[in-house]
Amino acid sequence: MDTRSLNRRRLVQAVPALALGGLAPLVWAQAAWPNRPLRVIVPQPPGGGFDFVARALGDRLSKQIGQSVVVENKPGSGTLVGTDAAAKADPDGYTLLMGSVSNIALNMGLYDKLSYDSLRDFEPVGLAVSYSYTLMARNDLPFNSLKEVVAHAKANPGKLNYASAGNGSGQHVLAAALWHLAGVDITHIPYKGAQAAYQDLLGGRVDLFFDLSSTARPQVDSGKVKALALSGAERNPMHPNVPTIIESGVAQLDLESWFGYFVPSKTPAPVQERLRSELAKVIAQPELQETFRSRGGKPLNLNVEQTRALVKRDVERWTRLVRDIGIKAD
């Protein structure tokens, strides 16, 4: 064999080795995942629904994978600051986002120039639980059903009012969508958080307020407010005698706020699969599911395709509805 042929043969043999050598660090990094702590960005302050679910999952995932899972609360501009930070994080499987209907679906319609696209920039790892909302009325409001409220509002436009935890909050968007679909004019009174809204509802200074059923339960059970309707597609075991919005007949509307982990969409597929597998084991734990039920939640058991379909459906549905109604966050 002449020198030219020998050199050509050596080059052909070397190319695969060089290619594998270049891929080796990436393959090794994926295979070694996780070799350091993970962080979960929560785009809300400590103490709320986002924070509760993030920590419940994180504590158990840490034990599952043998690495710390650190919850980092990053509130600001509703849920924008934390969600944007997660979208821009290195897609290496070490930064996760606590995602919900609020920051993944509603924000897409609330802001004209959003810094992220939920369906393009994030990939769901797993949804763990969903919560319905309960529509409450002040105790001395002379109506005992949503149908009666709507009938009165049609005859008296602008006379009734409803509270929310702020412009663009889940409480605001759900209520505004309901009144829009029912064809009534009910005045919005935004507050800086749910606690302030509760104070005026309990004090009889506002008429109506939607809040997560888990948070509303103590007020309803104590008899301090009246529960008129639930936002879920089916009744909540915590309030078995309270009909859904759909059952009331005033609008074809349902909303349950789901919660789960997301990662930047460019996270390597093998890492995503490992994350999904480990998180699925956590979500399936009976003790965790009972914890969610005791707090008024509905544990979810969805595969990858079902999860993607639910997220896509809610992003598209609520983006369109929020824009049609003209709801803005500011």
Protein backbone atom coordinates (compact mmCIF):
# COMPACT_ATOMS: atom_id res chain seq x y z
CA MET A 1 0.00 0.00 0.00
CA ASP A 2 1.49 3.37 -1.02
CA THR A 3 1.93 6.27 1.41
CA ARG A 4 -1.01 8.25 -0.02
CA SER A 5 -3.44 5.31 0.39
CA LEU A 6 -2.18 4.64 3.91
CA ASN A 7 -2.71 8.24 5.00
CA ARG A 8 -6.20 8.25 3.50
CA ARG A 9 -7.09 5.07 5.40
CA ARG A 10 -5.80 6.51 8.67
CA LEU A 11 -7.86 9.69 8.13
CA VAL A 12 -11.06 7.70 7.51
CA GLN A 13 -10.47 5.70 10.67
CA ALA A 14 -9.73 8.82 12.70
CA VAL A 15 -12.90 10.76 11.77
CA PRO A 16 -15.36 8.64 13.83
CA ALA A 17 -12.99 8.73 16.79
CA LEU A 18 -12.72 12.49 16.59
CA ALA A 19 -16.49 12.84 16.33
CA LEU A 20 -17.03 10.61 19.34
CA GLY A 21 -14.35 12.48 21.21
CA GLY A 22 -16.15 15.76 20.60
CA LEU A 23 -19.44 14.28 21.75
CA ALA A 24 -17.96 12.59 24.79
CA PRO A 25 -18.23 15.55 27.21
CA LEU A 26 -21.89 16.11 26.26
CA VAL A 27 -22.78 12.42 26.49
CA TRP A 28 -20.93 12.11 29.79
CA ALA A 29 -22.67 15.19 31.21
CA GLN A 30 -26.09 13.81 30.31
CA ALA A 31 -25.28 10.35 31.65
CA ALA A 32 -23.97 11.82 34.90
CA TRP A 33 -27.08 13.96 35.49
CA PRO A 34 -27.63 14.93 38.22
CA ASN A 35 -24.21 15.54 39.74
CA ARG A 36 -25.08 18.78 41.57
CA PRO A 37 -28.15 20.42 43.19
CA LEU A 38 -31.19 21.41 41.14
CA ARG A 39 -33.08 24.66 41.58
CA VAL A 40 -36.79 25.25 41.07
CA ILE A 41 -37.75 28.84 40.26
CA VAL A 42 -41.08 29.80 41.84
CA PRO A 43 -42.39 33.04 40.28
CA GLN A 44 -44.40 33.91 43.40
CA PRO A 45 -43.56 34.77 47.04
CA PRO A 46 -43.36 32.02 49.69
CA GLY A 47 -46.59 30.74 51.18
CA GLY A 48 -48.92 30.51 48.18
CA GLY A 49 -50.06 27.66 45.95
CA PHE A 50 -47.00 27.86 43.69
CA ASP A 51 -44.65 27.63 46.66
CA PHE A 52 -46.54 24.83 48.41
CA VAL A 53 -46.56 22.51 45.39
CA ALA A 54 -42.96 23.35 44.42
CA ARG A 55 -41.67 22.41 47.87
CA ALA A 56 -43.87 19.31 48.19
CA LEU A 57 -42.44 18.00 44.91
CA GLY A 58 -38.90 19.25 45.51
CA ASP A 59 -38.50 17.59 48.91
CA ARG A 60 -39.50 14.22 47.53
CA LEU A 61 -37.62 14.56 44.23
CA SER A 62 -34.45 15.31 46.19
CA LYS A 63 -34.70 11.95 47.96
CA GLN A 64 -35.47 10.24 44.65
CA ILE A 65 -32.40 11.51 42.76
CA GLY A 66 -29.94 11.89 45.64
CA GLN A 67 -29.34 15.60 45.08
CA SER A 68 -30.68 18.73 46.78
CA VAL A 69 -33.60 20.49 45.09
CA VAL A 70 -33.50 24.14 46.10
CA VAL A 71 -36.65 26.27 45.76
CA GLU A 72 -35.86 29.83 44.69
CA ASN A 73 -38.74 32.30 45.04
CA LYS A 74 -38.42 34.95 42.34
CA PRO A 75 -41.57 37.11 42.38
CA GLY A 76 -42.12 40.31 40.43
CA SER A 77 -44.55 41.74 37.87
CA GLY A 78 -47.07 39.07 38.70
CA THR A 79 -45.26 35.91 37.61
CA LEU A 80 -43.19 37.45 34.81
CA VAL A 81 -39.80 37.92 36.49
CA GLY A 82 -39.37 34.34 37.65
CA THR A 83 -40.81 32.77 34.52
CA ASP A 84 -38.57 34.88 32.28
CA ALA A 85 -35.52 33.92 34.36
CA ALA A 86 -36.35 30.23 33.89
CA ALA A 87 -36.82 30.69 30.14
CA LYS A 88 -33.33 32.23 29.89
CA ALA A 89 -31.61 29.70 32.17
CA ASP A 90 -29.05 27.24 30.83
CA PRO A 91 -30.99 24.28 29.39
CA ASP A 92 -28.95 21.71 31.28
CA GLY A 93 -31.61 20.10 33.46
CA TYR A 94 -30.49 21.90 36.62
CA THR A 95 -33.03 24.76 36.47
CA LEU A 96 -36.75 23.97 36.60
CA LEU A 97 -39.78 26.24 36.64
CA MET A 98 -42.87 25.91 38.79
CA GLY A 99 -45.53 26.31 36.13
CA SER A 100 -49.26 26.88 36.45
CA VAL A 101 -52.19 28.14 34.41
CA SER A 102 -51.26 31.65 35.60
CA ASN A 103 -47.76 31.97 34.18
CA ILE A 104 -47.93 29.39 31.39
CA ALA A 105 -51.44 30.03 29.98
CA LEU A 106 -52.97 33.31 31.20
CA ASN A 107 -49.88 35.47 30.71
CA MET A 108 -49.86 34.65 27.02
CA GLY A 109 -53.06 36.63 26.60
CA LEU A 110 -52.52 39.29 29.27
CA TYR A 111 -49.35 40.83 27.82
CA ASP A 112 -48.91 42.19 24.29
CA LYS A 113 -45.12 41.79 24.35
CA LEU A 114 -44.31 38.78 26.50
CA SER A 115 -40.63 37.95 26.93
CA TYR A 116 -41.26 34.21 26.52
CA ASP A 117 -43.54 31.90 24.59
CA SER A 118 -44.92 29.14 26.79
CA LEU A 119 -45.22 26.52 24.07
CA ARG A 120 -41.93 27.36 22.36
CA ASP A 121 -39.66 28.03 25.33
CA PHE A 122 -40.81 25.43 27.87
CA GLU A 123 -41.34 21.70 27.97
CA PRO A 124 -43.51 20.17 30.71
CA VAL A 125 -41.81 17.62 32.96
CA GLY A 126 -44.99 16.65 34.81
CA LEU A 127 -48.19 18.11 36.26
CA ALA A 128 -48.90 16.99 39.80
CA VAL A 129 -52.18 18.54 40.97
CA SER A 130 -54.99 20.88 39.98
CA TYR A 131 -57.22 23.15 42.04
CA SER A 132 -60.63 24.56 41.22
CA TYR A 133 -61.80 28.03 42.23
CA THR A 134 -64.81 28.76 44.45
CA LEU A 135 -67.05 31.77 43.83
CA MET A 136 -67.96 33.26 47.22
CA ALA A 137 -70.50 35.93 48.14
CA ARG A 138 -70.66 38.11 51.22
CA ASN A 139 -72.97 36.57 53.78
CA ASP A 140 -75.68 39.22 53.57
CA LEU A 141 -75.88 39.25 49.77
CA PRO A 142 -79.53 38.28 49.12
CA PHE A 143 -78.71 35.59 46.53
CA ASN A 144 -77.96 31.91 47.05
CA SER A 145 -76.94 30.83 43.56
CA LEU A 146 -74.88 32.03 40.63
CA LYS A 147 -78.04 32.05 38.52
CA GLU A 148 -79.67 34.54 40.90
CA VAL A 149 -76.57 36.75 40.84
CA VAL A 150 -76.55 36.83 37.03
CA ALA A 151 -80.28 37.56 36.85
CA HIS A 152 -79.86 40.51 39.25
CA ALA A 153 -76.78 41.78 37.39
CA LYS A 154 -78.66 41.75 34.07
CA ALA A 155 -81.43 43.85 35.59
CA ASN A 156 -78.98 46.14 37.42
CA PRO A 157 -75.83 46.65 35.31
CA GLY A 158 -72.78 47.79 37.27
CA LYS A 159 -74.46 47.58 40.67
CA LEU A 160 -72.68 44.44 41.88
CA ASN A 161 -68.91 44.22 42.27
CA TYR A 162 -66.26 41.52 42.61
CA ALA A 163 -62.83 41.49 44.21
CA SER A 164 -59.61 40.01 42.88
CA ALA A 165 -56.02 39.63 44.06
CA GLY A 166 -54.98 42.13 41.37
CA ASN A 167 -55.27 42.88 37.67
CA GLY A 168 -54.36 39.82 35.65
CA SER A 169 -54.55 37.42 38.59
CA GLY A 170 -56.32 34.10 38.21
CA GLN A 171 -59.19 35.42 40.34
CA HIS A 172 -59.57 38.41 38.00
CA VAL A 173 -59.35 36.53 34.70
CA LEU A 174 -61.76 33.77 35.72
CA ALA A 175 -64.38 36.19 37.02
CA ALA A 176 -64.07 38.54 34.04
CA ALA A 177 -64.46 35.58 31.66
CA LEU A 178 -67.55 34.39 33.53
CA TRP A 179 -69.28 37.79 33.51
CA HIS A 180 -68.38 38.27 29.84
CA LEU A 181 -69.83 34.91 28.80
CA ALA A 182 -72.92 35.43 30.98
CA GLY A 183 -73.47 38.85 29.38
CA VAL A 184 -73.48 40.91 32.58
CA ASP A 185 -71.70 44.03 33.82
CA ILE A 186 -70.18 43.52 37.29
CA THR A 187 -67.58 46.01 38.55
CA HIS A 188 -64.04 44.81 39.18
CA ILE A 189 -62.25 45.91 42.37
CA PRO A 190 -58.58 44.81 42.30
CA TYR A 191 -56.66 44.36 45.55
CA LYS A 192 -52.97 43.83 46.28
CA GLY A 193 -53.27 40.17 47.13
CA ALA A 194 -56.01 37.80 48.24
CA GLN A 195 -55.74 38.64 51.95
CA ALA A 196 -56.91 42.22 51.43
CA ALA A 197 -59.76 41.00 49.24
CA TYR A 198 -60.89 38.59 51.96
CA GLN A 199 -60.95 41.37 54.54
CA ASP A 200 -63.44 43.38 52.51
CA LEU A 201 -65.48 40.33 51.51
CA LEU A 202 -65.83 39.26 55.15
CA GLY A 203 -66.56 42.86 56.11
CA GLY A 204 -69.36 43.05 53.55
CA ARG A 205 -67.66 45.79 51.52
CA VAL A 206 -67.46 43.75 48.31
CA ASP A 207 -70.07 41.39 46.91
CA LEU A 208 -68.20 38.52 45.26
CA PHE A 209 -64.76 36.91 45.12
CA PHE A 210 -63.27 33.89 43.33
CA ASP A 211 -60.38 32.12 45.07
CA LEU A 212 -58.73 28.70 44.97
CA SER A 213 -61.08 26.23 46.64
CA SER A 214 -58.37 25.14 49.08
CA THR A 215 -58.02 28.71 50.41
CA ALA A 216 -61.74 29.41 50.29
CA ARG A 217 -62.67 26.32 52.27
CA PRO A 218 -62.06 27.67 55.81
CA GLN A 219 -64.17 30.76 55.11
CA VAL A 220 -66.99 28.70 53.60
CA ASP A 221 -66.94 26.05 56.33
CA SER A 222 -66.98 28.71 59.06
CA GLY A 223 -70.13 30.23 57.58
CA LYS A 224 -68.49 33.62 57.06
CA VAL A 225 -69.23 33.59 53.31
CA LYS A 226 -71.54 31.78 50.92
CA ALA A 227 -70.21 29.43 48.24
CA LEU A 228 -72.14 29.88 44.99
CA ALA A 229 -70.26 27.94 42.31
CA LEU A 230 -67.09 26.01 41.50
CA SER A 231 -64.93 26.54 38.43
CA GLY A 232 -63.94 22.91 37.85
CA ALA A 233 -65.43 20.60 35.26
CA GLU A 234 -66.83 18.51 38.13
CA ARG A 235 -67.79 19.12 41.75
CA ASN A 236 -65.13 19.36 44.44
CA PRO A 237 -65.33 16.76 47.26
CA MET A 238 -64.61 19.58 49.74
CA HIS A 239 -67.80 21.37 48.63
CA PRO A 240 -70.03 18.50 47.40
CA ASN A 241 -73.20 20.58 47.53
CA VAL A 242 -71.83 23.49 45.51
CA PRO A 243 -72.61 23.25 41.76
CA THR A 244 -70.12 23.98 39.00
CA ILE A 245 -70.43 27.03 36.74
CA ILE A 246 -71.51 24.72 33.93
CA GLU A 247 -74.19 23.13 36.13
CA SER A 248 -75.55 26.59 36.97
CA GLY A 249 -76.42 27.07 33.31
CA VAL A 250 -75.12 30.65 33.02
CA ALA A 251 -71.97 29.89 30.96
CA GLN A 252 -69.99 27.05 29.42
CA LEU A 253 -66.83 27.76 31.39
CA ASP A 254 -64.44 25.70 33.45
CA LEU A 255 -60.96 26.34 34.82
CA GLU A 256 -58.74 24.33 37.09
CA SER A 257 -55.35 25.69 37.99
CA TRP A 258 -52.81 22.91 37.45
CA PHE A 259 -49.29 22.98 38.89
CA GLY A 260 -46.15 21.16 37.81
CA TYR A 261 -42.50 21.35 36.79
CA PHE A 262 -41.26 22.67 33.45
CA VAL A 263 -37.77 22.97 31.92
CA PRO A 264 -36.36 25.12 29.09
CA SER A 265 -37.31 23.42 25.84
CA LYS A 266 -33.67 23.01 24.71
CA THR A 267 -32.85 20.78 27.69
CA PRO A 268 -31.30 17.58 26.24
CA ALA A 269 -33.90 14.88 25.57
CA PRO A 270 -32.16 12.21 27.72
CA VAL A 271 -32.16 14.58 30.70
CA GLN A 272 -35.83 15.43 30.14
CA GLU A 273 -36.70 11.75 30.06
CA ARG A 274 -34.79 11.07 33.27
CA LEU A 275 -36.49 14.02 34.95
CA ARG A 276 -39.92 12.84 33.81
CA SER A 277 -39.26 9.34 35.04
CA GLU A 278 -38.11 10.47 38.49
CA LEU A 279 -40.86 13.07 38.90
CA ALA A 280 -43.52 10.54 37.86
CA LYS A 281 -42.43 8.30 40.73
CA VAL A 282 -42.81 11.24 43.11
CA ILE A 283 -46.24 12.24 41.80
CA ALA A 284 -47.47 8.63 42.16
CA GLN A 285 -46.65 8.47 45.89
CA PRO A 286 -49.94 7.84 47.79
CA GLU A 287 -48.80 9.98 50.71
CA LEU A 288 -48.22 12.99 48.44
CA GLN A 289 -51.55 12.50 46.70
CA GLU A 290 -53.29 12.43 50.07
CA THR A 291 -51.49 15.64 51.03
CA PHE A 292 -52.84 17.31 47.90
CA ARG A 293 -56.37 16.00 48.53
CA SER A 294 -56.33 17.24 52.12
CA ARG A 295 -55.56 20.71 50.75
CA GLY A 296 -58.43 20.58 48.27
CA GLY A 297 -56.42 19.50 45.24
CA LYS A 298 -57.06 16.85 42.62
CA PRO A 299 -53.93 14.70 42.04
CA LEU A 300 -53.09 14.28 38.37
CA ASN A 301 -51.87 11.13 36.65
CA LEU A 302 -51.03 12.07 33.07
CA ASN A 303 -48.58 10.64 30.55
CA VAL A 304 -46.34 12.84 28.40
CA GLU A 305 -48.81 13.18 25.53
CA GLN A 306 -51.72 13.98 27.85
CA THR A 307 -49.64 16.57 29.69
CA ARG A 308 -48.58 18.34 26.51
CA ALA A 309 -52.15 18.27 25.20
CA LEU A 310 -53.57 19.80 28.41
CA VAL A 311 -50.97 22.57 28.47
CA LYS A 312 -51.46 23.35 24.78
CA ARG A 313 -55.25 23.36 25.13
CA ASP A 314 -55.23 25.78 28.05
CA VAL A 315 -52.62 28.09 26.53
CA GLU A 316 -54.58 28.38 23.29
CA ARG A 317 -58.02 28.59 24.91
CA TRP A 318 -57.17 31.18 27.53
CA THR A 319 -54.95 33.28 25.28
CA ARG A 320 -57.83 33.61 22.86
CA LEU A 321 -60.47 34.26 25.54
CA VAL A 322 -58.38 36.81 27.47
CA ARG A 323 -57.65 38.75 24.28
CA ASP A 324 -61.29 38.61 23.14
CA ILE A 325 -62.44 40.06 26.47
CA GLY A 326 -59.64 42.64 26.47
CA ILE A 327 -58.26 41.82 29.94
CA LYS A 328 -54.88 43.41 30.71
CA ALA A 329 -52.48 42.81 33.54
CA ASP A 330 -51.93 46.51 34.16
